[in-house]
Amino acid sequence: MEKILNRVNNTEDLKKLTLREKEILAKDIRELVIDTVSKNGGHLASNLGVVELTIAIHSIFDTPNDKIIWDVGHQSYVHKILTGRKDKMPTLRKFGGMAGFPKSCESVYDNFDTGHSSTSISAALGMAVARDLRGTKENIIAIIGDRSSNRRNGIRSTKPCRSY
C-alpha cells in the first residue's frame, strides 16, 4: 500500500486530503520522524507530539502567506516534512544538511529562526504590527511549545512544577 506521505510534497497537496487520509498521513509522518531521529539523533517526543497539530495548522491556514512562528524550534520536523523538505530528512542535523530548527534561509515557510523557547509571542506581535502597518491581512500564528510549562510569570523556575 502506497504511503499517503508520498503524495504530499507541499501544503497544497495536504489540503486535498480527506480526514481519513490525514490520519494515515500522521502515521506515515511518525514513521519518518522515528526513522530519521533513530539514525541522526534529534528531538523525538516533541515532534511526535505535534503531528496532528501541524497537519491541522497547515490544512487550515494559507502558508507560507500566513506566518507560523514555532516557540520551540525543535518541534518543527513535521512542519519541515509538510513544507517540501521530506526528501531532505535524511540530512537532518548533519553537516551541510537540514537544520534541526526553523531557518529562514532554508524555506519561505520558516518565518523566524528559533531554537528553544520563549520568543514566539514577541516575534508574532512584531510581525502582526508590521503586517498592520503594511495594511496586509495575513494571519500570524504563534505555536507555544513544550517548554512553556517551565515558565512562571516570565521567570524560569529551577524547581519542578507540582500538582496539588
N, C-alpha and C. Protein backbone atom coordinates (compact mmCIF):
# COMPACT_ATOMS: atom_id res chain seq x y z
N MET A 1 0.84 -1.19 0.00
CA MET A 1 0.00 0.00 0.00
C MET A 1 0.89 1.25 0.00
N GLU A 2 0.59 2.17 -0.91
CA GLU A 2 1.37 3.40 -1.01
C GLU A 2 1.13 4.29 0.20
N LYS A 3 2.20 4.88 0.67
CA LYS A 3 2.08 5.81 1.79
C LYS A 3 1.45 7.12 1.30
N ILE A 4 0.55 7.66 2.11
CA ILE A 4 -0.06 8.95 1.79
C ILE A 4 1.04 10.02 1.70
N LEU A 5 2.05 9.89 2.55
CA LEU A 5 3.14 10.88 2.57
C LEU A 5 3.80 11.02 1.20
N ASN A 6 3.82 9.97 0.40
CA ASN A 6 4.41 10.04 -0.94
C ASN A 6 3.65 11.01 -1.84
N ARG A 7 2.39 11.26 -1.53
CA ARG A 7 1.56 12.17 -2.34
C ARG A 7 1.60 13.61 -1.84
N VAL A 8 2.24 13.86 -0.69
CA VAL A 8 2.25 15.20 -0.11
C VAL A 8 3.64 15.81 -0.23
N ASN A 9 3.74 16.79 -1.12
CA ASN A 9 5.01 17.47 -1.34
C ASN A 9 4.99 18.92 -0.88
N ASN A 10 3.80 19.41 -0.55
CA ASN A 10 3.65 20.78 -0.08
C ASN A 10 2.29 20.92 0.60
N THR A 11 2.02 22.10 1.12
CA THR A 11 0.79 22.30 1.87
C THR A 11 -0.46 22.26 0.99
N GLU A 12 -0.32 22.57 -0.29
CA GLU A 12 -1.47 22.47 -1.19
C GLU A 12 -1.89 21.02 -1.38
N ASP A 13 -0.92 20.11 -1.47
CA ASP A 13 -1.24 18.68 -1.55
C ASP A 13 -1.95 18.22 -0.28
N LEU A 14 -1.49 18.71 0.85
CA LEU A 14 -2.09 18.35 2.15
C LEU A 14 -3.56 18.73 2.19
N LYS A 15 -3.89 19.90 1.68
CA LYS A 15 -5.27 20.40 1.75
C LYS A 15 -6.24 19.58 0.91
N LYS A 16 -5.74 18.79 -0.03
CA LYS A 16 -6.59 17.96 -0.89
C LYS A 16 -6.97 16.64 -0.24
N LEU A 17 -6.34 16.30 0.87
CA LEU A 17 -6.58 15.02 1.52
C LEU A 17 -7.87 15.02 2.34
N THR A 18 -8.48 13.85 2.43
CA THR A 18 -9.64 13.67 3.30
C THR A 18 -9.16 13.56 4.75
N LEU A 19 -10.08 13.63 5.67
CA LEU A 19 -9.73 13.46 7.08
C LEU A 19 -9.09 12.09 7.32
N ARG A 20 -9.65 11.05 6.74
CA ARG A 20 -9.08 9.69 6.90
C ARG A 20 -7.67 9.63 6.34
N GLU A 21 -7.45 10.24 5.18
CA GLU A 21 -6.10 10.26 4.60
C GLU A 21 -5.13 11.03 5.49
N LYS A 22 -5.60 12.08 6.15
CA LYS A 22 -4.74 12.83 7.07
C LYS A 22 -4.38 11.99 8.30
N GLU A 23 -5.30 11.13 8.72
CA GLU A 23 -4.99 10.23 9.84
C GLU A 23 -3.89 9.25 9.43
N ILE A 24 -3.96 8.74 8.23
CA ILE A 24 -2.92 7.83 7.72
C ILE A 24 -1.61 8.60 7.53
N LEU A 25 -1.72 9.82 7.03
CA LEU A 25 -0.54 10.68 6.87
C LEU A 25 0.17 10.87 8.19
N ALA A 26 -0.56 11.07 9.26
CA ALA A 26 0.04 11.25 10.59
C ALA A 26 0.89 10.03 10.95
N LYS A 27 0.39 8.84 10.65
CA LYS A 27 1.14 7.61 10.91
C LYS A 27 2.40 7.57 10.06
N ASP A 28 2.27 7.92 8.78
CA ASP A 28 3.43 7.94 7.88
C ASP A 28 4.50 8.91 8.37
N ILE A 29 4.06 10.07 8.82
CA ILE A 29 5.00 11.09 9.30
C ILE A 29 5.71 10.59 10.55
N ARG A 30 4.96 9.99 11.46
CA ARG A 30 5.60 9.46 12.68
C ARG A 30 6.68 8.44 12.33
N GLU A 31 6.40 7.57 11.36
CA GLU A 31 7.40 6.58 10.95
C GLU A 31 8.65 7.26 10.40
N LEU A 32 8.48 8.30 9.60
CA LEU A 32 9.62 9.03 9.04
C LEU A 32 10.42 9.72 10.14
N VAL A 33 9.74 10.36 11.07
CA VAL A 33 10.43 11.04 12.17
C VAL A 33 11.20 10.04 13.02
N ILE A 34 10.57 8.93 13.37
CA ILE A 34 11.24 7.90 14.18
C ILE A 34 12.46 7.36 13.44
N ASP A 35 12.31 7.07 12.16
CA ASP A 35 13.43 6.54 11.37
C ASP A 35 14.57 7.55 11.31
N THR A 36 14.24 8.81 11.06
CA THR A 36 15.27 9.85 10.94
C THR A 36 16.00 10.06 12.26
N VAL A 37 15.24 10.23 13.33
CA VAL A 37 15.85 10.51 14.63
C VAL A 37 16.66 9.31 15.13
N SER A 38 16.22 8.10 14.81
CA SER A 38 16.98 6.92 15.24
C SER A 38 18.35 6.86 14.57
N LYS A 39 18.48 7.47 13.40
CA LYS A 39 19.75 7.48 12.67
C LYS A 39 20.57 8.74 12.94
N ASN A 40 19.91 9.88 13.04
CA ASN A 40 20.62 11.16 13.11
C ASN A 40 20.64 11.79 14.49
N GLY A 41 19.85 11.25 15.41
CA GLY A 41 19.66 11.94 16.68
C GLY A 41 18.66 13.06 16.47
N GLY A 42 18.33 13.72 17.56
CA GLY A 42 17.38 14.83 17.45
C GLY A 42 16.29 14.72 18.49
N HIS A 43 15.24 15.46 18.27
CA HIS A 43 14.15 15.57 19.23
C HIS A 43 12.98 14.70 18.77
N LEU A 44 12.77 13.61 19.45
CA LEU A 44 11.75 12.65 19.04
C LEU A 44 10.37 12.97 19.62
N ALA A 45 10.24 12.93 20.94
CA ALA A 45 8.93 13.07 21.58
C ALA A 45 8.25 14.39 21.22
N SER A 46 9.02 15.47 21.22
CA SER A 46 8.43 16.78 20.93
C SER A 46 7.85 16.84 19.53
N ASN A 47 8.44 16.13 18.58
CA ASN A 47 7.91 16.11 17.22
C ASN A 47 6.75 15.14 17.07
N LEU A 48 6.82 14.01 17.74
CA LEU A 48 5.70 13.08 17.67
C LEU A 48 4.45 13.70 18.29
N GLY A 49 4.64 14.58 19.25
CA GLY A 49 3.53 15.22 19.93
C GLY A 49 2.82 16.30 19.14
N VAL A 50 3.43 16.79 18.06
CA VAL A 50 2.80 17.87 17.30
C VAL A 50 2.38 17.46 15.89
N VAL A 51 2.31 16.17 15.62
CA VAL A 51 1.98 15.73 14.27
C VAL A 51 0.61 16.22 13.84
N GLU A 52 -0.43 15.88 14.61
CA GLU A 52 -1.79 16.30 14.23
C GLU A 52 -1.94 17.81 14.27
N LEU A 53 -1.34 18.46 15.25
CA LEU A 53 -1.38 19.92 15.32
C LEU A 53 -0.81 20.55 14.06
N THR A 54 0.34 20.06 13.62
CA THR A 54 0.99 20.63 12.44
C THR A 54 0.19 20.36 11.18
N ILE A 55 -0.36 19.15 11.06
CA ILE A 55 -1.22 18.85 9.91
C ILE A 55 -2.42 19.79 9.91
N ALA A 56 -3.06 19.99 11.06
CA ALA A 56 -4.23 20.86 11.15
C ALA A 56 -3.88 22.31 10.79
N ILE A 57 -2.81 22.82 11.33
CA ILE A 57 -2.43 24.21 11.05
C ILE A 57 -2.18 24.43 9.56
N HIS A 58 -1.41 23.51 8.96
CA HIS A 58 -1.12 23.68 7.53
C HIS A 58 -2.33 23.37 6.66
N SER A 59 -3.33 22.66 7.18
CA SER A 59 -4.56 22.41 6.43
C SER A 59 -5.48 23.63 6.45
N ILE A 60 -5.46 24.37 7.55
CA ILE A 60 -6.39 25.48 7.75
C ILE A 60 -5.83 26.81 7.22
N PHE A 61 -4.59 27.07 7.52
CA PHE A 61 -4.01 28.37 7.17
C PHE A 61 -3.37 28.34 5.80
N ASP A 62 -3.16 29.53 5.25
CA ASP A 62 -2.60 29.72 3.91
C ASP A 62 -1.10 29.98 4.01
N THR A 63 -0.36 28.94 4.37
CA THR A 63 1.09 29.09 4.47
C THR A 63 1.69 28.93 3.08
N PRO A 64 2.73 29.64 2.73
CA PRO A 64 3.56 30.49 3.58
C PRO A 64 3.09 31.93 3.70
N ASN A 65 1.96 32.29 3.06
CA ASN A 65 1.46 33.66 3.23
C ASN A 65 1.15 33.94 4.70
N ASP A 66 0.39 33.05 5.34
CA ASP A 66 0.19 33.16 6.78
C ASP A 66 1.47 32.70 7.46
N LYS A 67 1.83 33.34 8.53
CA LYS A 67 3.12 33.11 9.18
C LYS A 67 2.98 32.25 10.43
N ILE A 68 3.75 31.17 10.49
CA ILE A 68 3.80 30.31 11.68
C ILE A 68 5.13 30.56 12.37
N ILE A 69 5.08 30.83 13.66
CA ILE A 69 6.29 31.01 14.45
C ILE A 69 6.29 29.93 15.51
N TRP A 70 7.29 29.07 15.47
CA TRP A 70 7.43 27.98 16.43
C TRP A 70 8.16 28.49 17.65
N ASP A 71 7.53 28.41 18.81
CA ASP A 71 8.17 28.82 20.05
C ASP A 71 9.34 27.90 20.37
N VAL A 72 9.15 26.63 20.10
CA VAL A 72 10.19 25.63 20.34
C VAL A 72 10.58 25.08 18.97
N GLY A 73 11.70 25.55 18.46
CA GLY A 73 12.12 25.18 17.12
C GLY A 73 12.35 23.70 16.92
N HIS A 74 12.70 23.00 18.00
CA HIS A 74 12.95 21.57 17.82
C HIS A 74 11.65 20.77 17.66
N GLN A 75 10.51 21.45 17.62
CA GLN A 75 9.23 20.80 17.31
C GLN A 75 8.85 20.97 15.84
N SER A 76 9.76 21.40 15.02
CA SER A 76 9.42 21.77 13.64
C SER A 76 9.69 20.69 12.59
N TYR A 77 10.06 19.50 12.96
CA TYR A 77 10.37 18.47 11.96
C TYR A 77 9.15 18.17 11.08
N VAL A 78 7.97 18.06 11.68
CA VAL A 78 6.76 17.76 10.91
C VAL A 78 6.45 18.92 9.97
N HIS A 79 6.61 20.13 10.46
CA HIS A 79 6.45 21.34 9.64
C HIS A 79 7.37 21.27 8.43
N LYS A 80 8.60 20.87 8.63
CA LYS A 80 9.56 20.76 7.53
C LYS A 80 9.12 19.70 6.52
N ILE A 81 8.63 18.57 7.02
CA ILE A 81 8.17 17.49 6.14
C ILE A 81 7.02 17.98 5.26
N LEU A 82 6.08 18.71 5.85
CA LEU A 82 4.88 19.15 5.11
C LEU A 82 5.13 20.35 4.20
N THR A 83 6.28 20.98 4.33
CA THR A 83 6.57 22.18 3.54
C THR A 83 7.67 21.93 2.52
N GLY A 84 7.65 20.73 1.94
CA GLY A 84 8.52 20.44 0.81
C GLY A 84 9.91 19.94 1.12
N ARG A 85 10.16 19.55 2.37
CA ARG A 85 11.51 19.13 2.72
C ARG A 85 11.60 17.68 3.18
N LYS A 86 10.58 16.88 2.92
CA LYS A 86 10.61 15.49 3.40
C LYS A 86 11.77 14.71 2.81
N ASP A 87 12.13 15.00 1.56
CA ASP A 87 13.24 14.28 0.93
C ASP A 87 14.59 14.65 1.53
N LYS A 88 14.64 15.75 2.27
CA LYS A 88 15.89 16.17 2.92
C LYS A 88 16.00 15.64 4.35
N MET A 89 14.98 14.93 4.83
CA MET A 89 15.02 14.42 6.20
C MET A 89 16.25 13.58 6.51
N PRO A 90 16.78 12.78 5.58
CA PRO A 90 17.99 12.03 5.91
C PRO A 90 19.19 12.93 6.24
N THR A 91 19.12 14.20 5.84
CA THR A 91 20.23 15.12 6.12
C THR A 91 20.02 15.93 7.40
N LEU A 92 18.89 15.72 8.07
CA LEU A 92 18.55 16.48 9.27
C LEU A 92 19.68 16.41 10.29
N ARG A 93 20.12 17.57 10.75
CA ARG A 93 21.14 17.70 11.79
C ARG A 93 22.51 17.16 11.38
N LYS A 94 22.72 17.03 10.09
CA LYS A 94 24.03 16.61 9.60
C LYS A 94 24.72 17.82 8.99
N PHE A 95 26.05 17.79 8.98
CA PHE A 95 26.82 18.90 8.41
C PHE A 95 26.38 19.14 6.97
N GLY A 96 26.01 20.37 6.67
CA GLY A 96 25.55 20.73 5.34
C GLY A 96 24.12 20.33 5.05
N GLY A 97 23.47 19.69 6.00
CA GLY A 97 22.10 19.23 5.80
C GLY A 97 21.07 20.18 6.37
N MET A 98 19.88 19.66 6.51
CA MET A 98 18.77 20.45 7.01
C MET A 98 18.91 20.69 8.51
N ALA A 99 18.62 21.90 8.93
CA ALA A 99 18.73 22.29 10.33
C ALA A 99 17.66 21.60 11.18
N GLY A 100 17.96 21.42 12.45
CA GLY A 100 17.00 20.84 13.38
C GLY A 100 16.01 21.86 13.92
N PHE A 101 16.10 23.09 13.46
CA PHE A 101 15.25 24.19 13.89
C PHE A 101 14.80 24.96 12.66
N PRO A 102 13.75 25.79 12.75
CA PRO A 102 13.37 26.62 11.61
C PRO A 102 14.50 27.57 11.23
N LYS A 103 14.75 27.67 9.95
CA LYS A 103 15.78 28.57 9.43
C LYS A 103 15.21 29.31 8.23
N SER A 104 15.11 30.62 8.34
CA SER A 104 14.51 31.39 7.25
C SER A 104 15.29 31.26 5.95
N CYS A 105 16.58 30.97 6.03
CA CYS A 105 17.37 30.79 4.81
C CYS A 105 17.08 29.44 4.16
N GLU A 106 16.41 28.54 4.86
CA GLU A 106 16.13 27.21 4.36
C GLU A 106 14.81 27.13 3.60
N SER A 107 13.82 27.94 4.01
CA SER A 107 12.50 27.84 3.41
C SER A 107 11.68 29.10 3.66
N VAL A 108 10.82 29.44 2.70
CA VAL A 108 9.91 30.57 2.90
C VAL A 108 8.87 30.27 3.96
N TYR A 109 8.73 29.00 4.33
CA TYR A 109 7.80 28.60 5.39
C TYR A 109 8.36 28.84 6.79
N ASP A 110 9.67 29.03 6.88
CA ASP A 110 10.31 29.30 8.17
C ASP A 110 10.44 30.81 8.32
N ASN A 111 9.55 31.38 9.12
CA ASN A 111 9.43 32.83 9.21
C ASN A 111 10.30 33.46 10.27
N PHE A 112 10.85 32.64 11.15
CA PHE A 112 11.63 33.18 12.26
C PHE A 112 12.60 32.10 12.71
N ASP A 113 13.88 32.45 12.77
CA ASP A 113 14.88 31.49 13.25
C ASP A 113 14.76 31.38 14.75
N THR A 114 14.45 30.19 15.21
CA THR A 114 14.26 29.99 16.64
C THR A 114 14.96 28.72 17.07
N GLY A 115 15.22 28.65 18.35
CA GLY A 115 15.87 27.47 18.90
C GLY A 115 14.98 26.81 19.91
N HIS A 116 15.10 27.22 21.16
CA HIS A 116 14.36 26.53 22.20
C HIS A 116 13.05 27.20 22.57
N SER A 117 13.02 28.28 23.31
CA SER A 117 11.68 28.78 23.64
C SER A 117 11.65 30.23 24.08
N SER A 118 10.42 30.69 24.18
CA SER A 118 10.06 31.98 24.76
C SER A 118 10.24 33.17 23.83
N THR A 119 10.22 32.93 22.54
CA THR A 119 10.33 34.04 21.60
C THR A 119 9.13 34.18 20.68
N SER A 120 8.25 33.19 20.63
CA SER A 120 7.20 33.21 19.61
C SER A 120 6.19 34.33 19.80
N ILE A 121 5.81 34.61 21.02
CA ILE A 121 4.78 35.64 21.24
C ILE A 121 5.31 37.01 20.86
N SER A 122 6.50 37.34 21.29
CA SER A 122 7.06 38.65 20.94
C SER A 122 7.33 38.75 19.45
N ALA A 123 7.83 37.68 18.83
CA ALA A 123 8.07 37.69 17.39
C ALA A 123 6.75 37.84 16.63
N ALA A 124 5.72 37.10 17.06
CA ALA A 124 4.41 37.19 16.40
C ALA A 124 3.81 38.58 16.55
N LEU A 125 3.97 39.17 17.73
CA LEU A 125 3.46 40.52 17.94
C LEU A 125 4.15 41.50 17.00
N GLY A 126 5.46 41.38 16.89
CA GLY A 126 6.21 42.25 15.97
C GLY A 126 5.77 42.06 14.54
N MET A 127 5.56 40.82 14.14
CA MET A 127 5.10 40.55 12.77
C MET A 127 3.70 41.08 12.54
N ALA A 128 2.84 40.99 13.56
CA ALA A 128 1.47 41.50 13.43
C ALA A 128 1.46 43.02 13.31
N VAL A 129 2.30 43.70 14.09
CA VAL A 129 2.40 45.16 13.98
C VAL A 129 2.90 45.54 12.59
N ALA A 130 3.91 44.86 12.09
CA ALA A 130 4.43 45.13 10.74
C ALA A 130 3.36 44.88 9.69
N ARG A 131 2.60 43.80 9.84
CA ARG A 131 1.50 43.50 8.91
C ARG A 131 0.48 44.63 8.91
N ASP A 132 0.10 45.08 10.10
CA ASP A 132 -0.89 46.14 10.20
C ASP A 132 -0.38 47.44 9.59
N LEU A 133 0.89 47.74 9.80
CA LEU A 133 1.48 48.95 9.20
C LEU A 133 1.51 48.86 7.67
N ARG A 134 1.72 47.65 7.14
CA ARG A 134 1.70 47.44 5.69
C ARG A 134 0.28 47.43 5.15
N GLY A 135 -0.69 47.16 6.01
CA GLY A 135 -2.08 47.08 5.58
C GLY A 135 -2.43 45.76 4.92
N THR A 136 -1.70 44.70 5.24
CA THR A 136 -1.99 43.39 4.67
C THR A 136 -2.85 42.58 5.65
N LYS A 137 -3.25 41.39 5.27
CA LYS A 137 -4.24 40.64 6.05
C LYS A 137 -3.78 39.25 6.51
N GLU A 138 -2.52 38.88 6.30
CA GLU A 138 -2.10 37.51 6.65
C GLU A 138 -2.24 37.24 8.14
N ASN A 139 -2.47 35.98 8.46
CA ASN A 139 -2.55 35.54 9.85
C ASN A 139 -1.14 35.32 10.38
N ILE A 140 -0.97 35.59 11.65
CA ILE A 140 0.29 35.34 12.34
C ILE A 140 -0.03 34.34 13.46
N ILE A 141 0.59 33.17 13.41
CA ILE A 141 0.28 32.09 14.34
C ILE A 141 1.50 31.78 15.19
N ALA A 142 1.37 31.91 16.50
CA ALA A 142 2.45 31.55 17.42
C ALA A 142 2.12 30.19 18.02
N ILE A 143 2.99 29.23 17.82
CA ILE A 143 2.82 27.90 18.39
C ILE A 143 3.64 27.86 19.68
N ILE A 144 2.94 27.82 20.80
CA ILE A 144 3.60 27.80 22.10
C ILE A 144 4.01 26.36 22.38
N GLY A 145 5.27 26.18 22.71
CA GLY A 145 5.84 24.84 22.73
C GLY A 145 5.91 24.15 24.06
N ASP A 146 6.62 23.04 24.04
CA ASP A 146 6.69 22.14 25.18
C ASP A 146 7.51 22.67 26.34
N ARG A 147 8.20 23.77 26.21
CA ARG A 147 8.98 24.34 27.31
C ARG A 147 8.18 25.37 28.11
N SER A 148 6.98 25.68 27.68
CA SER A 148 6.21 26.73 28.35
C SER A 148 5.82 26.35 29.77
N SER A 149 5.77 25.07 30.08
CA SER A 149 5.37 24.65 31.42
C SER A 149 6.44 24.98 32.47
N ASN A 150 7.65 25.29 32.05
CA ASN A 150 8.72 25.64 32.99
C ASN A 150 8.80 27.13 33.25
N ARG A 151 7.84 27.86 32.76
CA ARG A 151 7.84 29.33 32.92
C ARG A 151 6.74 29.73 33.88
N ARG A 152 7.07 30.61 34.81
CA ARG A 152 6.08 31.17 35.72
C ARG A 152 6.29 32.67 35.76
N ASN A 153 5.27 33.40 35.36
CA ASN A 153 5.35 34.86 35.36
C ASN A 153 6.58 35.37 34.62
N GLY A 154 6.96 34.67 33.55
CA GLY A 154 8.10 35.11 32.76
C GLY A 154 9.45 34.80 33.36
N ILE A 155 9.49 34.14 34.51
CA ILE A 155 10.75 33.82 35.16
C ILE A 155 10.96 32.32 35.10
N ARG A 156 12.12 31.92 34.67
CA ARG A 156 12.40 30.48 34.59
C ARG A 156 12.60 29.92 35.99
N SER A 157 11.88 28.86 36.27
CA SER A 157 11.97 28.21 37.57
C SER A 157 12.91 27.02 37.48
N THR A 158 13.76 26.85 38.47
CA THR A 158 14.63 25.67 38.51
C THR A 158 14.00 24.55 39.30
N LYS A 159 12.87 24.84 39.95
CA LYS A 159 12.17 23.83 40.74
C LYS A 159 11.14 23.12 39.86
N PRO A 160 10.94 21.83 40.07
CA PRO A 160 9.93 21.14 39.27
C PRO A 160 8.54 21.65 39.63
N CYS A 161 7.64 21.63 38.64
CA CYS A 161 6.26 22.02 38.88
C CYS A 161 5.58 20.94 39.72
N ARG A 162 4.73 21.36 40.60
CA ARG A 162 4.00 20.41 41.46
C ARG A 162 2.51 20.53 41.18
N SER A 163 1.85 19.40 41.26
CA SER A 163 0.39 19.38 41.16
C SER A 163 -0.18 19.25 42.56
N TYR A 164 -1.21 20.01 42.85
CA TYR A 164 -1.86 19.93 44.16
C TYR A 164 -3.29 19.52 44.00
